[in-house]
Amino acid sequence: MGASDFWEHPDKAQGVIAQTKPLNNFLKPYRELEGSVTDLTAMCELIEEDASMEDELVPMLDQLEKEIGDFEMKSMLDGPVDSSNAFLKIQAGTGGTEACDWAQMILRMYTRWAERGGFTAALIDEDRNEEAGIRSATLHVIGDYAYGNLQSEVGVHRLVRISPFDSNARRQTSFAAVDVLPDLDDTIVIEIKPEDLRRDTFRSGGPGGQHQNKTESGVRYTHIPTGVAAESRTERSQHKNSANAMKMLKAKLYQIEEQKRRAEVEKVYDDKGEVSWGRQIRNYVMQPYTLVKDTRTDIQSAQVNNVLDGDIDDFIQGYLRYKLEQKSKAN
C-alpha cells in the first residue's frame, strides 16, 4: 500500500485494502491491549510506593479483563470469510401455521440481535404464510464479522409452547431451520459457466391491493450441475433481485467447496431433509417452564423472552469456543 503506483489500478487497490481490514481488526485491539498492560504495570509500581492509589487499580483490571475477553472472541474468527457480511435464511419446518409463526419469531430474534450489535439487517426475500408467519425469509446482515458470529446458528431450532392457534390451548412443538452464508467480496472469485446456470423470473408475493406486485421482478438462479438454487423477491427492481440472488448462489457454492476441502459434509438446509425432531441444535421451551438450551454446547438460559429479543451472544460465544476445542482435538 505504500508503493508509489498503488492507486494506478483502483480495483486492485480496493482488493488489497479489503484484505487488510481483517488484519487491522486483530492488530489494532492487540496494540491497545499492549498499551493497557503497560499502564497497569505502571499503576502497580505506583501502588508499591503509595497504597492509597489501590482503589484505582480495580476499574483498570475490570476494563483489561473485558478487553481480553473481546480480543479472545475476535481471535476465534480467523476463517477466510469470517469477517464478511452474511446472508441468513430461515425456513419453517414441521408444524404448519405454528411453524410459520415460529419462523417469524426467529426472524425477529436475529433482527433484534443485529440491532443490538450495531449490524444492519435488510430483508431481501420473504415468503409469507396466508394465516400467520412466514414460510421462509432471508436477511442480509451487514457489519464486521457478521458471518463469523452467525455461523453458530446453522441448524434446526425447536420451540415448545402453548399454541396461540389451538382453541384447546394445547402444548405444541414447532421447528424452523436456519442457514447462514458469507457475502463474498471481490477478493474471492467464484466462476460459474453460463451453460451451467438457469435463470427464472416469477411474480413476487405481496400484501395485495394497490401494493400487489404485478410484474415478474422475483429472480431465481439454479446451478444445474449441483442443483443449488438461490432467489430474491423483495426488491421491486428485477435487476436488484437478480444481483441479490446471484450473490447468494455464489455464497452457497463457495460454502459447498469449503466443506469439501475440510471434509465436513454438514449439509445446508436444502439437503438436510426434514426439519423436525432429533435434528435441532437449540431448544426453546416456553411451557411448562422456560429454558433455552443449545444441544451442542449445553449453554442455557431461563430468560427465554430475552433470548427471543435478540440476547443470543452467550450462545454464539459458546459455539465459537466449542468449535475451537473441536479444532484443537482434531490437530
Protein backbone atom coordinates (compact mmCIF):
# COMPACT_ATOMS: atom_id res chain seq x y z
CA MET A 1 0.00 0.00 0.00
CA GLY A 2 2.97 2.32 0.45
CA ALA A 3 4.12 1.83 -3.14
CA SER A 4 4.05 4.94 -5.36
CA ASP A 5 1.98 3.15 -8.03
CA PHE A 6 -0.53 1.64 -5.58
CA TRP A 7 -3.51 3.69 -6.83
CA GLU A 8 -2.73 3.27 -10.54
CA HIS A 9 -5.06 0.24 -10.56
CA PRO A 10 -8.01 1.27 -8.33
CA ASP A 11 -9.84 -2.07 -8.48
CA LYS A 12 -6.73 -3.98 -7.42
CA ALA A 13 -6.02 -1.39 -4.72
CA GLN A 14 -9.51 -1.76 -3.27
CA GLY A 15 -8.98 -5.53 -3.16
CA VAL A 16 -5.75 -5.10 -1.19
CA ILE A 17 -7.45 -2.70 1.22
CA ALA A 18 -10.25 -5.23 1.74
CA GLN A 19 -7.63 -7.87 2.61
CA THR A 20 -6.01 -5.61 5.23
CA LYS A 21 -9.30 -4.92 7.02
CA PRO A 22 -9.49 -8.24 8.96
CA LEU A 23 -5.77 -7.97 9.76
CA ASN A 24 -6.23 -4.50 11.23
CA ASN A 25 -9.21 -5.79 13.20
CA PHE A 26 -6.72 -8.02 15.05
CA LEU A 27 -3.69 -5.75 15.18
CA LYS A 28 -5.43 -2.63 16.49
CA PRO A 29 -7.02 -4.27 19.59
CA TYR A 30 -3.79 -6.22 20.20
CA ARG A 31 -1.80 -2.98 20.32
CA GLU A 32 -4.44 -1.44 22.57
CA LEU A 33 -4.07 -4.44 24.90
CA GLU A 34 -0.33 -3.91 24.99
CA GLY A 35 -0.92 -0.30 25.99
CA SER A 36 -3.40 -1.32 28.71
CA VAL A 37 -0.92 -3.85 30.15
CA THR A 38 1.81 -1.18 30.19
CA ASP A 39 -0.49 1.24 32.03
CA LEU A 40 -1.49 -1.45 34.51
CA THR A 41 2.15 -2.36 35.19
CA ALA A 42 2.97 1.30 35.82
CA MET A 43 -0.01 1.59 38.20
CA CYS A 44 1.19 -1.46 40.17
CA GLU A 45 4.60 0.15 40.57
CA LEU A 46 3.00 3.35 41.88
CA ILE A 47 0.86 1.39 44.35
CA GLU A 48 4.02 -0.17 45.82
CA GLU A 49 5.05 3.36 46.76
CA ASP A 50 1.58 4.71 47.60
CA ALA A 51 -1.06 2.16 48.73
CA SER A 52 -3.78 4.84 48.66
CA MET A 53 -3.89 4.51 44.88
CA GLU A 54 -5.00 0.89 45.07
CA ASP A 55 -8.68 1.76 44.52
CA GLU A 56 -7.79 2.99 41.04
CA LEU A 57 -6.47 -0.45 40.15
CA VAL A 58 -9.83 -2.26 40.29
CA PRO A 59 -11.54 -0.44 37.37
CA MET A 60 -8.36 -0.82 35.30
CA LEU A 61 -8.35 -4.57 35.94
CA ASP A 62 -12.05 -4.82 35.06
CA GLN A 63 -11.51 -2.94 31.80
CA LEU A 64 -8.49 -5.05 30.88
CA GLU A 65 -10.44 -8.24 31.57
CA LYS A 66 -13.20 -7.06 29.22
CA GLU A 67 -10.68 -6.12 26.51
CA ILE A 68 -9.01 -9.53 26.76
CA GLY A 69 -12.39 -11.27 26.54
CA ASP A 70 -13.33 -9.27 23.44
CA PHE A 71 -9.97 -10.00 21.84
CA GLU A 72 -10.27 -13.69 22.65
CA MET A 73 -13.62 -13.85 20.82
CA LYS A 74 -12.25 -11.99 17.82
CA SER A 75 -9.24 -14.32 17.65
CA MET A 76 -11.64 -17.26 17.19
CA LEU A 77 -12.97 -15.67 13.99
CA ASP A 78 -9.96 -16.49 11.86
CA GLY A 79 -11.62 -18.15 8.85
CA PRO A 80 -11.08 -16.71 5.36
CA VAL A 81 -14.64 -15.29 5.22
CA ASP A 82 -15.41 -14.84 8.95
CA SER A 83 -15.11 -11.05 8.64
CA SER A 84 -17.71 -10.93 5.85
CA ASN A 85 -21.31 -9.79 5.84
CA ALA A 86 -23.81 -12.65 5.93
CA PHE A 87 -26.99 -13.95 4.35
CA LEU A 88 -29.20 -15.63 6.96
CA LYS A 89 -32.06 -17.80 5.67
CA ILE A 90 -34.94 -19.04 7.83
CA GLN A 91 -37.23 -21.87 6.69
CA ALA A 92 -40.35 -23.03 8.53
CA GLY A 93 -40.35 -26.77 9.17
CA THR A 94 -42.78 -29.35 10.52
CA GLY A 95 -45.84 -27.81 12.16
CA GLY A 96 -47.93 -25.87 9.61
CA THR A 97 -49.04 -22.39 10.69
CA GLU A 98 -47.45 -22.93 14.10
CA ALA A 99 -44.06 -23.47 12.44
CA CYS A 100 -44.54 -20.44 10.18
CA ASP A 101 -45.25 -18.29 13.23
CA TRP A 102 -42.12 -19.71 14.89
CA ALA A 103 -40.07 -18.88 11.78
CA GLN A 104 -41.25 -15.27 12.06
CA MET A 105 -40.28 -15.20 15.75
CA ILE A 106 -36.79 -16.43 14.74
CA LEU A 107 -36.61 -13.70 12.08
CA ARG A 108 -37.38 -11.07 14.70
CA MET A 109 -34.79 -12.57 17.07
CA TYR A 110 -31.98 -12.17 14.54
CA THR A 111 -33.16 -8.72 13.50
CA ARG A 112 -33.05 -7.61 17.14
CA TRP A 113 -29.64 -9.26 17.64
CA ALA A 114 -28.32 -7.29 14.65
CA GLU A 115 -29.70 -4.02 16.06
CA ARG A 116 -28.16 -4.73 19.47
CA GLY A 117 -24.74 -5.43 17.95
CA GLY A 118 -24.60 -2.45 15.61
CA PHE A 119 -25.21 -4.52 12.47
CA THR A 120 -27.61 -3.62 9.66
CA ALA A 121 -30.21 -6.26 8.78
CA ALA A 122 -32.10 -5.92 5.48
CA LEU A 123 -34.89 -8.31 4.46
CA ILE A 124 -34.12 -9.40 0.89
CA ASP A 125 -36.51 -12.33 0.50
CA GLU A 126 -39.77 -13.28 2.23
CA ASP A 127 -42.46 -15.88 1.51
CA ARG A 128 -45.41 -15.21 3.80
CA ASN A 129 -47.87 -17.78 5.09
CA GLU A 130 -51.54 -16.95 4.44
CA GLU A 131 -52.75 -17.40 8.02
CA ALA A 132 -49.75 -16.20 10.03
CA GLY A 133 -45.97 -16.11 9.97
CA ILE A 134 -43.58 -16.84 7.13
CA ARG A 135 -42.66 -19.94 5.15
CA SER A 136 -39.18 -18.57 4.57
CA ALA A 137 -37.16 -15.35 4.69
CA THR A 138 -33.61 -14.18 4.05
CA LEU A 139 -31.81 -11.40 5.92
CA HIS A 140 -28.72 -9.60 4.61
CA VAL A 141 -26.73 -8.86 7.78
CA ILE A 142 -24.10 -6.18 7.19
CA GLY A 143 -21.22 -5.47 9.56
CA ASP A 144 -17.75 -6.69 10.54
CA TYR A 145 -17.69 -10.42 11.36
CA ALA A 146 -21.41 -10.90 10.76
CA TYR A 147 -20.76 -14.29 9.14
CA GLY A 148 -18.19 -15.34 11.73
CA ASN A 149 -20.70 -14.76 14.52
CA LEU A 150 -23.80 -16.12 12.82
CA GLN A 151 -22.22 -19.38 11.64
CA SER A 152 -23.15 -20.74 15.07
CA GLU A 153 -26.85 -20.53 14.17
CA VAL A 154 -26.89 -23.03 11.29
CA GLY A 155 -29.28 -25.88 12.04
CA VAL A 156 -32.77 -26.66 13.29
CA HIS A 157 -34.33 -24.59 16.09
CA ARG A 158 -37.14 -26.21 18.14
CA LEU A 159 -39.89 -24.37 20.02
CA VAL A 160 -42.20 -25.80 22.71
CA ARG A 161 -45.13 -23.61 23.83
CA ILE A 162 -48.90 -23.38 24.31
CA SER A 163 -50.16 -22.80 20.79
CA PRO A 164 -51.93 -19.47 20.19
CA PHE A 165 -53.64 -21.16 17.23
CA ASP A 166 -55.17 -24.01 19.26
CA SER A 167 -58.56 -23.29 20.84
CA ASN A 168 -57.86 -26.06 23.38
CA ALA A 169 -54.59 -24.36 24.45
CA ARG A 170 -52.53 -27.49 23.96
CA ARG A 171 -48.74 -27.56 24.02
CA GLN A 172 -47.18 -27.70 20.56
CA THR A 173 -43.70 -28.34 19.19
CA SER A 174 -42.54 -26.40 16.12
CA PHE A 175 -39.36 -26.36 14.05
CA ALA A 176 -37.51 -23.86 11.88
CA ALA A 177 -34.21 -24.24 10.04
CA VAL A 178 -31.53 -21.56 9.82
CA ASP A 179 -28.80 -21.40 7.20
CA VAL A 180 -26.02 -18.80 7.05
CA LEU A 181 -23.90 -17.93 4.01
CA PRO A 182 -20.98 -15.49 3.65
CA ASP A 183 -21.42 -12.42 1.47
CA LEU A 184 -18.35 -12.86 -0.71
CA ASP A 185 -16.37 -9.81 -1.81
CA ASP A 186 -14.31 -9.41 -4.98
CA THR A 187 -11.22 -10.98 -3.40
CA ILE A 188 -12.87 -14.42 -3.60
CA VAL A 189 -13.76 -15.43 -7.15
CA ILE A 190 -16.47 -18.00 -7.85
CA GLU A 191 -16.69 -18.80 -11.56
CA ILE A 192 -19.98 -20.14 -12.96
CA LYS A 193 -20.17 -21.22 -16.59
CA PRO A 194 -23.11 -19.64 -18.44
CA GLU A 195 -24.28 -23.06 -19.64
CA ASP A 196 -24.43 -24.28 -16.01
CA LEU A 197 -26.83 -21.51 -14.97
CA ARG A 198 -30.63 -21.35 -15.25
CA ARG A 199 -32.41 -18.07 -14.59
CA ASP A 200 -36.12 -17.97 -13.77
CA THR A 201 -38.31 -14.97 -13.04
CA PHE A 202 -41.55 -15.01 -11.09
CA ARG A 203 -44.13 -12.65 -9.65
CA SER A 204 -43.17 -11.57 -6.16
CA GLY A 205 -45.70 -12.02 -3.39
CA GLY A 206 -47.22 -9.01 -1.70
CA PRO A 207 -49.93 -7.95 0.74
CA GLY A 208 -52.47 -7.45 -2.05
CA GLY A 209 -54.41 -4.38 -3.18
CA GLN A 210 -52.51 -1.49 -4.69
CA HIS A 211 -49.21 -2.84 -3.31
CA GLN A 212 -49.52 -6.23 -5.02
CA ASN A 213 -46.55 -6.83 -7.30
CA LYS A 214 -47.94 -7.49 -10.78
CA THR A 215 -44.59 -7.78 -12.57
CA GLU A 216 -42.17 -10.69 -12.63
CA SER A 217 -39.48 -8.98 -10.56
CA GLY A 218 -38.55 -12.04 -8.48
CA VAL A 219 -35.43 -13.88 -9.71
CA ARG A 220 -34.24 -17.43 -9.07
CA TYR A 221 -30.86 -18.78 -10.20
CA THR A 222 -30.18 -22.52 -10.31
CA HIS A 223 -26.71 -24.05 -10.68
CA ILE A 224 -27.58 -27.02 -12.90
CA PRO A 225 -24.67 -29.38 -12.05
CA THR A 226 -25.31 -29.21 -8.30
CA GLY A 227 -28.99 -28.29 -8.18
CA VAL A 228 -28.18 -25.44 -5.78
CA ALA A 229 -30.63 -22.54 -6.11
CA ALA A 230 -30.99 -19.03 -4.71
CA GLU A 231 -33.74 -16.47 -5.11
CA SER A 232 -34.69 -12.91 -4.21
CA ARG A 233 -38.10 -11.28 -4.38
CA THR A 234 -38.40 -8.31 -2.02
CA GLU A 235 -36.98 -5.63 -4.34
CA ARG A 236 -39.30 -4.02 -6.89
CA SER A 237 -36.39 -3.94 -9.33
CA GLN A 238 -35.70 -7.20 -11.16
CA HIS A 239 -32.09 -6.03 -11.58
CA LYS A 240 -31.60 -5.72 -7.79
CA ASN A 241 -33.27 -9.07 -7.14
CA SER A 242 -31.03 -10.64 -9.80
CA ALA A 243 -27.89 -9.25 -8.14
CA ASN A 244 -29.00 -10.45 -4.68
CA ALA A 245 -29.87 -13.94 -5.96
CA MET A 246 -26.51 -14.28 -7.75
CA LYS A 247 -24.63 -13.21 -4.62
CA MET A 248 -26.39 -15.86 -2.55
CA LEU A 249 -25.85 -18.55 -5.21
CA LYS A 250 -22.11 -17.85 -5.27
CA ALA A 251 -22.04 -17.89 -1.47
CA LYS A 252 -23.73 -21.31 -1.42
CA LEU A 253 -21.29 -22.73 -3.98
CA TYR A 254 -18.34 -21.33 -2.02
CA GLN A 255 -19.67 -22.89 1.16
CA ILE A 256 -20.00 -26.28 -0.52
CA GLU A 257 -16.41 -26.15 -1.75
CA GLU A 258 -15.17 -25.13 1.71
CA GLN A 259 -16.99 -28.06 3.26
CA LYS A 260 -15.44 -30.44 0.74
CA ARG A 261 -11.96 -29.13 1.46
CA ARG A 262 -12.46 -29.53 5.18
CA ALA A 263 -14.13 -32.92 4.74
CA GLU A 264 -17.13 -31.61 6.68
CA VAL A 265 -20.16 -32.87 4.87
CA GLU A 266 -22.51 -30.87 7.06
CA LYS A 267 -25.24 -30.21 4.55
CA VAL A 268 -27.21 -26.99 4.38
CA TYR A 269 -30.97 -26.95 4.78
CA ASP A 270 -31.87 -27.74 1.15
CA ASP A 271 -30.07 -31.10 1.51
CA LYS A 272 -30.77 -31.67 5.18
CA GLY A 273 -34.07 -33.46 4.81
CA GLU A 274 -36.99 -32.97 7.15
CA VAL A 275 -36.77 -30.14 9.63
CA SER A 276 -38.10 -31.97 12.64
CA TRP A 277 -37.36 -33.84 15.88
CA GLY A 278 -33.85 -35.13 16.50
CA ARG A 279 -32.07 -32.61 14.28
CA GLN A 280 -32.28 -29.50 16.47
CA ILE A 281 -29.23 -27.54 17.60
CA ARG A 282 -31.20 -25.48 20.11
CA ASN A 283 -34.41 -25.93 22.10
CA TYR A 284 -36.61 -23.01 23.19
CA VAL A 285 -39.13 -24.08 25.86
CA MET A 286 -41.83 -21.59 26.94
CA GLN A 287 -44.19 -24.02 28.78
CA PRO A 288 -44.39 -25.70 31.29
CA TYR A 289 -41.10 -23.99 32.24
CA THR A 290 -38.81 -21.51 30.48
CA LEU A 291 -35.45 -22.66 29.13
CA VAL A 292 -33.30 -22.19 26.05
CA LYS A 293 -30.58 -24.83 25.68
CA ASP A 294 -28.01 -25.42 22.97
CA THR A 295 -27.64 -29.15 22.34
CA ARG A 296 -24.01 -28.83 21.15
CA THR A 297 -22.50 -26.72 23.93
CA ASP A 298 -25.02 -27.16 26.79
CA ILE A 299 -25.14 -23.36 27.12
CA GLN A 300 -28.56 -22.48 28.54
CA SER A 301 -30.70 -19.61 29.76
CA ALA A 302 -34.02 -19.46 31.60
CA GLN A 303 -34.65 -15.97 30.17
CA VAL A 304 -36.40 -17.20 27.04
CA ASN A 305 -38.05 -13.84 26.30
CA ASN A 306 -34.70 -12.06 26.44
CA VAL A 307 -33.22 -14.63 24.07
CA LEU A 308 -36.11 -14.20 21.62
CA ASP A 309 -35.49 -10.46 21.85
CA GLY A 310 -32.01 -10.98 20.41
CA ASP A 311 -29.90 -11.71 23.51
CA ILE A 312 -28.02 -14.67 21.95
CA ASP A 313 -24.37 -13.63 22.38
CA ASP A 314 -23.74 -16.26 25.08
CA PHE A 315 -24.86 -18.99 22.67
CA ILE A 316 -22.75 -17.57 19.83
CA GLN A 317 -19.64 -17.29 22.00
CA GLY A 318 -20.22 -20.74 23.48
CA TYR A 319 -20.32 -22.23 19.99
CA LEU A 320 -17.12 -20.43 18.93
CA ARG A 321 -15.31 -21.87 21.97
CA TYR A 322 -16.78 -25.29 21.22
CA LYS A 323 -15.60 -25.04 17.61
CA LEU A 324 -12.11 -24.04 18.77
CA GLU A 325 -11.98 -27.04 21.13
CA GLN A 326 -13.02 -29.40 18.33
CA LYS A 327 -10.36 -27.92 16.07
CA SER A 328 -7.69 -28.38 18.78
CA LYS A 329 -8.71 -32.04 19.27
CA ALA A 330 -8.52 -32.66 15.53
CA ASN A 331 -4.99 -31.26 15.43
